[in-house]
Amino acid sequence: MTKGPVRELAIIRAIRQRAGRAPRVRVGIGDDCAVLEPRPGALLLATTDLLIEDIHFRRAYASPTDIGWKALAVNLSDIASMGGEPRWALVALACPPSTRTEEVEAFYEAAWALADRHEVTVVGGDTSSSPAGWIINLTLLGETTGAPLLRSTARVGDIVAVTGPLGGSAAGLALLSSGATAARLDSGDMDEVRRAHLRPEPRVREGRWLAGAGGVTAMIDLSDGLVTDLGHVCEESLVGARVDADRVPVSSAARRVAAALDGDARAWATGGGEDYELLFTCEPRAWDRIRHGLENATGRLPQAIGEIADRAAGVTFVDAAGRPVALARGFEHFAT
């Protein structure tokens, strides 16, 4: 920060203390650039996300701690979707001059806590004043020693699967936006869906296991919603897909919240977005091995929801009788 009570040098010193002796960091925070040392033979993965107040989060219900956690989590999910290992992060933060030092510290502490869980080192970034609202840009670098899993390599006949239940984040957003009280809802359900929205758990371990399992052909993280993200895979792979809408796993807590708020849990699961589970395609003959192997390795039991079809078929969701079901697409920037 260049103005206001937040002190840029104090923030830089705090980051440097946390990041100064990380492995494979030749030069950390303090110079114009960090100097990193990738493993021999590893491919470098790079991703970045921009989070804008009142577009990606609202300070009315997202604390600085929530924002710091989620800023890193969404990038970790991108690395997970490629089957990679996250390594180094650069965090840029702009806040209004009125922002308190404790708020900025809470933001960084949450990001560090999640980074520590995944052995990620914060190696740089920037701070600035913002004329209105919080703006965060986080860049994450990762590595993979094998071929990364892409969106563009799904094949006709592949099984389409997801790593866990969907709809929890959209349920959390609906709950936070509604201001509903505990009198109408179970406190455990409320806590679960709020956390799903504010502090998602990126499936890094699952992504790395799937990348090394053999038989997995393509992968993407579910950030924009199942309908939209599956559409991305099909578009990039030049294929279609047929999904049994009744087989899409819906969070039990989301179902109960939907009942209390007169919401649509299936719509939240298919179009709500920000669940950060992984959607992957795999060879049919490998499905049983992958399904049980992933559960044994990570505790997550994936659910098959459909199959990849010829491109001419498009992306179709059907009911139990095989009739097409119309579902709303998820979040898309600049959509008209």
Protein backbone atom coordinates (compact mmCIF):
# COMPACT_ATOMS: atom_id res chain seq x y z
CA MET A 1 0.00 0.00 0.00
CA THR A 2 1.25 3.46 -0.79
CA LYS A 3 -1.37 5.29 1.30
CA GLY A 4 -3.43 4.73 4.42
CA PRO A 5 -2.63 2.74 7.56
CA VAL A 6 -1.44 -0.37 5.72
CA ARG A 7 2.34 -0.40 5.58
CA GLU A 8 3.85 -1.99 2.48
CA LEU A 9 7.29 -2.55 3.96
CA ALA A 10 5.85 -4.34 6.98
CA ILE A 11 3.91 -6.66 4.70
CA ILE A 12 6.99 -7.37 2.58
CA ARG A 13 9.07 -8.15 5.67
CA ALA A 14 6.40 -10.54 6.95
CA ILE A 15 6.23 -12.36 3.62
CA ARG A 16 10.02 -12.56 3.41
CA GLN A 17 10.22 -14.14 6.86
CA ARG A 18 7.82 -16.86 5.75
CA ALA A 19 9.33 -17.47 2.31
CA GLY A 20 13.05 -16.98 2.74
CA ARG A 21 14.35 -20.56 2.94
CA ALA A 22 12.09 -22.61 0.73
CA PRO A 23 13.53 -25.49 -1.31
CA ARG A 24 14.27 -24.79 -4.98
CA VAL A 25 14.10 -21.01 -4.44
CA ARG A 26 17.50 -19.55 -5.35
CA VAL A 27 16.47 -15.95 -4.65
CA GLY A 28 13.24 -15.13 -2.82
CA ILE A 29 11.41 -11.93 -1.96
CA GLY A 30 13.60 -8.81 -1.83
CA ASP A 31 14.95 -8.58 -5.39
CA ASP A 32 13.18 -7.53 -8.57
CA CYS A 33 12.49 -11.20 -9.40
CA ALA A 34 12.44 -14.49 -7.57
CA VAL A 35 14.87 -17.07 -8.95
CA LEU A 36 13.42 -20.57 -8.97
CA GLU A 37 14.96 -23.95 -9.70
CA PRO A 38 12.57 -26.46 -11.33
CA ARG A 39 13.35 -30.15 -11.03
CA PRO A 40 15.38 -31.62 -13.90
CA GLY A 41 13.02 -32.91 -16.59
CA ALA A 42 9.93 -31.28 -15.07
CA LEU A 43 7.44 -29.26 -17.06
CA LEU A 44 6.44 -25.90 -15.61
CA LEU A 45 2.72 -25.21 -15.14
CA ALA A 46 1.50 -21.62 -14.78
CA THR A 47 -1.94 -20.27 -13.89
CA THR A 48 -3.35 -16.98 -12.67
CA ASP A 49 -6.70 -15.75 -11.38
CA LEU A 50 -8.10 -12.27 -10.86
CA LEU A 51 -10.60 -11.77 -8.02
CA ILE A 52 -12.60 -8.54 -7.91
CA GLU A 53 -14.76 -7.42 -5.00
CA ASP A 54 -18.50 -7.57 -5.78
CA ILE A 55 -17.84 -9.79 -8.81
CA HIS A 56 -16.04 -12.79 -7.32
CA PHE A 57 -16.71 -12.13 -3.63
CA ARG A 58 -18.61 -9.74 -1.35
CA ARG A 59 -17.08 -8.29 1.78
CA ALA A 60 -20.54 -8.37 3.35
CA TYR A 61 -20.03 -12.08 4.06
CA ALA A 62 -16.47 -12.93 2.96
CA SER A 63 -13.83 -12.05 5.55
CA PRO A 64 -10.22 -11.23 4.61
CA THR A 65 -9.39 -14.74 5.82
CA ASP A 66 -11.94 -16.26 3.46
CA ILE A 67 -10.66 -14.16 0.56
CA GLY A 68 -7.02 -15.09 1.14
CA TRP A 69 -7.85 -18.80 1.32
CA LYS A 70 -10.01 -18.79 -1.79
CA ALA A 71 -7.57 -16.72 -3.85
CA LEU A 72 -4.99 -19.49 -3.53
CA ALA A 73 -7.49 -22.36 -3.60
CA VAL A 74 -8.83 -21.52 -7.05
CA ASN A 75 -5.30 -21.53 -8.45
CA LEU A 76 -4.42 -24.77 -6.69
CA SER A 77 -7.48 -26.28 -8.36
CA ASP A 78 -6.15 -25.27 -11.78
CA ILE A 79 -2.84 -27.03 -11.10
CA ALA A 80 -4.77 -30.04 -9.79
CA SER A 81 -6.77 -30.24 -13.02
CA MET A 82 -3.52 -30.75 -14.96
CA GLY A 83 -2.31 -33.41 -12.55
CA GLY A 84 0.50 -31.16 -11.36
CA GLU A 85 2.29 -30.36 -8.12
CA PRO A 86 1.89 -26.71 -7.00
CA ARG A 87 5.17 -25.06 -5.98
CA TRP A 88 5.40 -21.24 -6.03
CA ALA A 89 2.88 -18.39 -5.70
CA LEU A 90 2.98 -14.67 -6.41
CA VAL A 91 0.29 -12.59 -4.70
CA ALA A 92 -0.77 -9.09 -5.79
CA LEU A 93 -3.24 -7.27 -3.56
CA ALA A 94 -4.88 -3.84 -3.93
CA CYS A 95 -7.13 -2.42 -1.21
CA PRO A 96 -8.73 0.94 -0.45
CA PRO A 97 -6.61 3.25 1.75
CA SER A 98 -9.09 2.75 4.60
CA THR A 99 -8.17 -0.96 4.86
CA ARG A 100 -6.79 -1.88 8.27
CA THR A 101 -3.41 -3.57 8.64
CA GLU A 102 -5.06 -6.46 10.51
CA GLU A 103 -7.30 -7.17 7.52
CA VAL A 104 -4.34 -7.46 5.16
CA GLU A 105 -2.50 -9.66 7.66
CA ALA A 106 -5.54 -11.93 7.94
CA PHE A 107 -5.66 -12.23 4.13
CA TYR A 108 -2.02 -13.30 3.93
CA GLU A 109 -2.18 -15.61 6.95
CA ALA A 110 -5.05 -17.57 5.37
CA ALA A 111 -3.21 -17.84 2.05
CA TRP A 112 -0.08 -19.00 3.88
CA ALA A 113 -2.01 -21.60 5.86
CA LEU A 114 -3.34 -23.19 2.69
CA ALA A 115 0.03 -22.82 0.97
CA ASP A 116 1.73 -24.66 3.84
CA ARG A 117 -0.71 -27.57 3.47
CA HIS A 118 0.32 -27.99 -0.16
CA GLU A 119 4.03 -27.12 0.27
CA VAL A 120 3.66 -23.95 -1.79
CA THR A 121 6.03 -21.03 -1.25
CA VAL A 122 4.98 -17.41 -1.73
CA VAL A 123 7.93 -15.96 -3.68
CA GLY A 124 6.69 -12.50 -4.64
CA GLY A 125 3.85 -10.23 -5.56
CA ASP A 126 2.83 -6.62 -5.15
CA THR A 127 0.64 -4.34 -3.05
CA SER A 128 -1.20 -1.18 -4.04
CA SER A 129 -4.00 1.15 -3.10
CA SER A 130 -7.33 0.62 -4.83
CA PRO A 131 -9.81 3.45 -5.48
CA ALA A 132 -12.71 1.17 -4.61
CA GLY A 133 -12.86 -2.42 -3.41
CA TRP A 134 -10.39 -5.25 -3.06
CA ILE A 135 -8.56 -6.59 -6.12
CA ILE A 136 -6.44 -9.75 -5.93
CA ASN A 137 -4.30 -11.29 -8.63
CA LEU A 138 -2.63 -14.56 -7.70
CA THR A 139 -0.24 -16.46 -9.97
CA LEU A 140 0.71 -20.04 -9.16
CA LEU A 141 3.49 -22.08 -10.71
CA GLY A 142 3.58 -25.86 -10.54
CA GLU A 143 5.49 -28.79 -11.96
CA THR A 144 4.78 -32.13 -13.52
CA THR A 145 7.25 -34.81 -14.51
CA GLY A 146 4.70 -36.60 -16.71
CA ALA A 147 2.37 -35.48 -19.45
CA PRO A 148 -0.18 -32.99 -18.09
CA LEU A 149 -3.84 -33.88 -18.42
CA LEU A 150 -5.57 -31.55 -20.89
CA ARG A 151 -9.11 -30.55 -21.85
CA SER A 152 -8.48 -31.46 -25.48
CA THR A 153 -7.83 -35.21 -25.28
CA ALA A 154 -11.22 -36.78 -24.44
CA ARG A 155 -12.27 -39.54 -26.87
CA VAL A 156 -15.58 -40.92 -28.04
CA GLY A 157 -16.64 -43.76 -25.73
CA ASP A 158 -14.79 -42.42 -22.68
CA ILE A 159 -16.60 -42.37 -19.34
CA VAL A 160 -17.32 -38.91 -17.89
CA ALA A 161 -16.85 -38.76 -14.10
CA VAL A 162 -16.56 -36.30 -11.22
CA THR A 163 -14.56 -36.65 -8.02
CA GLY A 164 -17.31 -35.69 -5.59
CA PRO A 165 -20.75 -34.17 -4.89
CA LEU A 166 -21.64 -30.84 -6.46
CA GLY A 167 -23.83 -27.89 -5.57
CA GLY A 168 -22.42 -27.11 -2.13
CA SER A 169 -20.81 -23.83 -3.16
CA ALA A 170 -23.92 -22.51 -4.92
CA ALA A 171 -25.97 -23.51 -1.87
CA GLY A 172 -23.54 -21.59 0.30
CA LEU A 173 -23.83 -18.52 -1.90
CA ALA A 174 -27.62 -18.73 -1.82
CA LEU A 175 -27.57 -19.06 1.96
CA LEU A 176 -25.13 -16.18 2.47
CA SER A 177 -27.08 -13.96 0.10
CA SER A 178 -30.43 -14.76 1.68
CA GLY A 179 -29.48 -14.05 5.28
CA ALA A 180 -31.50 -17.10 6.36
CA THR A 181 -31.28 -17.88 10.07
CA ALA A 182 -30.51 -21.09 11.91
CA ALA A 183 -34.18 -21.41 12.84
CA ARG A 184 -34.92 -22.63 9.32
CA LEU A 185 -31.81 -24.71 8.75
CA ASP A 186 -29.58 -27.27 10.43
CA SER A 187 -26.42 -25.59 11.71
CA GLY A 188 -24.23 -28.38 10.34
CA ASP A 189 -25.68 -27.95 6.85
CA MET A 190 -25.22 -24.20 7.09
CA ASP A 191 -21.57 -24.54 8.09
CA GLU A 192 -20.91 -27.09 5.35
CA VAL A 193 -22.28 -25.07 2.45
CA ARG A 194 -20.81 -21.80 3.70
CA ARG A 195 -17.41 -23.41 3.87
CA ALA A 196 -17.87 -24.96 0.43
CA HIS A 197 -18.36 -21.48 -0.99
CA LEU A 198 -15.92 -19.44 1.08
CA ARG A 199 -13.09 -21.95 1.64
CA PRO A 200 -13.17 -24.65 -1.06
CA GLU A 201 -10.81 -27.61 -0.85
CA PRO A 202 -8.79 -27.97 -4.07
CA ARG A 203 -8.38 -31.59 -5.18
CA VAL A 204 -4.61 -31.50 -5.63
CA ARG A 205 -3.97 -34.98 -4.28
CA GLU A 206 -6.75 -36.43 -6.42
CA GLY A 207 -5.45 -34.70 -9.54
CA ARG A 208 -1.94 -36.02 -9.06
CA TRP A 209 -3.22 -39.54 -8.47
CA LEU A 210 -5.41 -39.44 -11.58
CA ALA A 211 -2.51 -38.15 -13.68
CA GLY A 212 -0.43 -41.16 -12.74
CA ALA A 213 -3.19 -43.77 -12.82
CA GLY A 214 -3.20 -44.54 -16.52
CA GLY A 215 -6.41 -44.58 -18.55
CA VAL A 216 -7.44 -41.01 -17.71
CA THR A 217 -7.76 -39.10 -20.97
CA ALA A 218 -8.79 -35.52 -20.06
CA MET A 219 -9.51 -33.38 -17.00
CA ILE A 220 -10.82 -29.98 -15.92
CA ASP A 221 -11.74 -28.42 -12.58
CA LEU A 222 -15.36 -27.48 -11.98
CA SER A 223 -15.11 -23.74 -11.47
CA ASP A 224 -17.78 -22.45 -13.87
CA GLY A 225 -20.32 -25.24 -13.39
CA LEU A 226 -20.71 -28.78 -14.74
CA VAL A 227 -22.64 -27.79 -17.88
CA THR A 228 -20.15 -25.08 -18.84
CA ASP A 229 -16.97 -26.94 -17.93
CA LEU A 230 -18.00 -30.16 -19.65
CA GLY A 231 -18.76 -27.95 -22.64
CA HIS A 232 -15.18 -26.68 -22.51
CA VAL A 233 -13.83 -30.24 -22.61
CA CYS A 234 -16.08 -31.19 -25.52
CA GLU A 235 -15.26 -28.02 -27.45
CA GLU A 236 -11.51 -28.50 -27.05
CA SER A 237 -11.66 -32.25 -27.75
CA LEU A 238 -14.03 -31.87 -30.75
CA VAL A 239 -16.52 -34.31 -29.22
CA GLY A 240 -19.98 -34.38 -27.66
CA ALA A 241 -21.26 -35.90 -24.42
CA ARG A 242 -24.37 -37.55 -23.03
CA VAL A 243 -24.92 -37.16 -19.28
CA ASP A 244 -27.54 -38.83 -17.10
CA ALA A 245 -28.78 -35.89 -15.04
CA ASP A 246 -30.02 -38.21 -12.28
CA ARG A 247 -26.50 -39.60 -11.82
CA VAL A 248 -24.93 -36.21 -11.14
CA PRO A 249 -23.99 -36.38 -7.43
CA VAL A 250 -25.60 -33.57 -5.45
CA SER A 251 -24.37 -32.52 -2.02
CA SER A 252 -26.76 -33.76 0.67
CA ALA A 253 -26.37 -30.50 2.57
CA ALA A 254 -27.18 -28.59 -0.62
CA ARG A 255 -30.38 -30.59 -1.03
CA ARG A 256 -31.52 -29.73 2.48
CA VAL A 257 -30.61 -26.07 2.08
CA ALA A 258 -32.50 -25.99 -1.22
CA ALA A 259 -35.59 -27.43 0.48
CA ALA A 260 -35.43 -24.76 3.17
CA LEU A 261 -34.82 -21.88 0.75
CA ASP A 262 -37.10 -23.12 -2.05
CA GLY A 263 -34.01 -23.52 -4.24
CA ASP A 264 -33.12 -26.05 -6.92
CA ALA A 265 -30.30 -28.31 -5.74
CA ARG A 266 -29.83 -29.98 -9.13
CA ALA A 267 -29.53 -26.59 -10.81
CA TRP A 268 -26.91 -25.63 -8.23
CA ALA A 269 -25.00 -28.86 -8.95
CA THR A 270 -25.06 -28.53 -12.73
CA GLY A 271 -24.78 -24.78 -13.19
CA GLY A 272 -23.83 -23.20 -9.88
CA GLY A 273 -20.06 -23.51 -10.23
CA GLU A 274 -17.17 -23.04 -7.81
CA ASP A 275 -17.31 -26.58 -6.43
CA TYR A 276 -13.69 -27.19 -7.50
CA GLU A 277 -14.18 -30.92 -7.82
CA LEU A 278 -12.46 -32.47 -10.85
CA LEU A 279 -14.29 -33.65 -13.95
CA PHE A 280 -12.34 -36.27 -15.88
CA THR A 281 -12.78 -38.71 -18.74
CA CYS A 282 -11.31 -42.17 -18.83
CA GLU A 283 -11.20 -45.35 -20.87
CA PRO A 284 -14.18 -47.61 -20.02
CA ARG A 285 -11.94 -50.60 -19.31
CA ALA A 286 -10.01 -48.55 -16.73
CA TRP A 287 -13.05 -47.23 -14.85
CA ASP A 288 -13.35 -49.83 -12.08
CA ARG A 289 -9.62 -49.67 -11.36
CA ILE A 290 -9.63 -45.87 -11.30
CA ARG A 291 -12.81 -45.64 -9.23
CA HIS A 292 -11.59 -47.92 -6.45
CA GLY A 293 -7.98 -46.79 -6.71
CA LEU A 294 -8.86 -43.14 -6.20
CA GLU A 295 -11.06 -43.99 -3.22
CA ASN A 296 -8.32 -46.08 -1.63
CA ALA A 297 -5.67 -43.41 -2.24
CA THR A 298 -7.60 -40.28 -1.30
CA GLY A 299 -10.93 -41.25 0.26
CA ARG A 300 -12.84 -39.66 -2.63
CA LEU A 301 -15.18 -42.02 -4.51
CA PRO A 302 -15.71 -40.68 -8.06
CA GLN A 303 -19.08 -40.96 -9.75
CA ALA A 304 -19.57 -41.82 -13.44
CA ILE A 305 -22.24 -39.55 -14.90
CA GLY A 306 -22.14 -40.18 -18.64
CA GLU A 307 -19.96 -40.80 -21.66
CA ILE A 308 -18.24 -38.93 -24.44
CA ALA A 309 -20.19 -39.04 -27.71
CA ASP A 310 -19.69 -38.01 -31.30
CA ARG A 311 -19.38 -34.28 -31.84
CA ALA A 312 -22.60 -34.15 -33.84
CA ALA A 313 -24.56 -35.21 -30.75
CA GLY A 314 -23.54 -32.07 -28.84
CA VAL A 315 -23.60 -31.99 -25.04
CA THR A 316 -26.88 -33.48 -23.82
CA PHE A 317 -28.25 -34.06 -20.32
CA VAL A 318 -31.05 -36.64 -20.18
CA ASP A 319 -33.50 -37.93 -17.58
CA ALA A 320 -34.09 -41.56 -16.59
CA ALA A 321 -36.27 -42.07 -19.67
CA GLY A 322 -33.58 -40.73 -21.98
CA ARG A 323 -35.38 -37.45 -22.67
CA PRO A 324 -33.25 -34.28 -22.94
CA VAL A 325 -33.25 -32.05 -19.86
CA ALA A 326 -32.74 -28.30 -20.25
CA LEU A 327 -30.17 -26.98 -17.78
CA ALA A 328 -28.78 -23.49 -17.33
CA ARG A 329 -25.11 -22.90 -18.06
CA GLY A 330 -22.78 -21.77 -15.32
CA PHE A 331 -20.93 -18.49 -14.90
CA GLU A 332 -19.39 -16.93 -18.00
CA HIS A 333 -17.64 -13.55 -18.09
CA PHE A 334 -18.91 -11.16 -20.78
CA ALA A 335 -21.88 -13.43 -21.58
CA THR A 336 -24.80 -11.61 -23.17
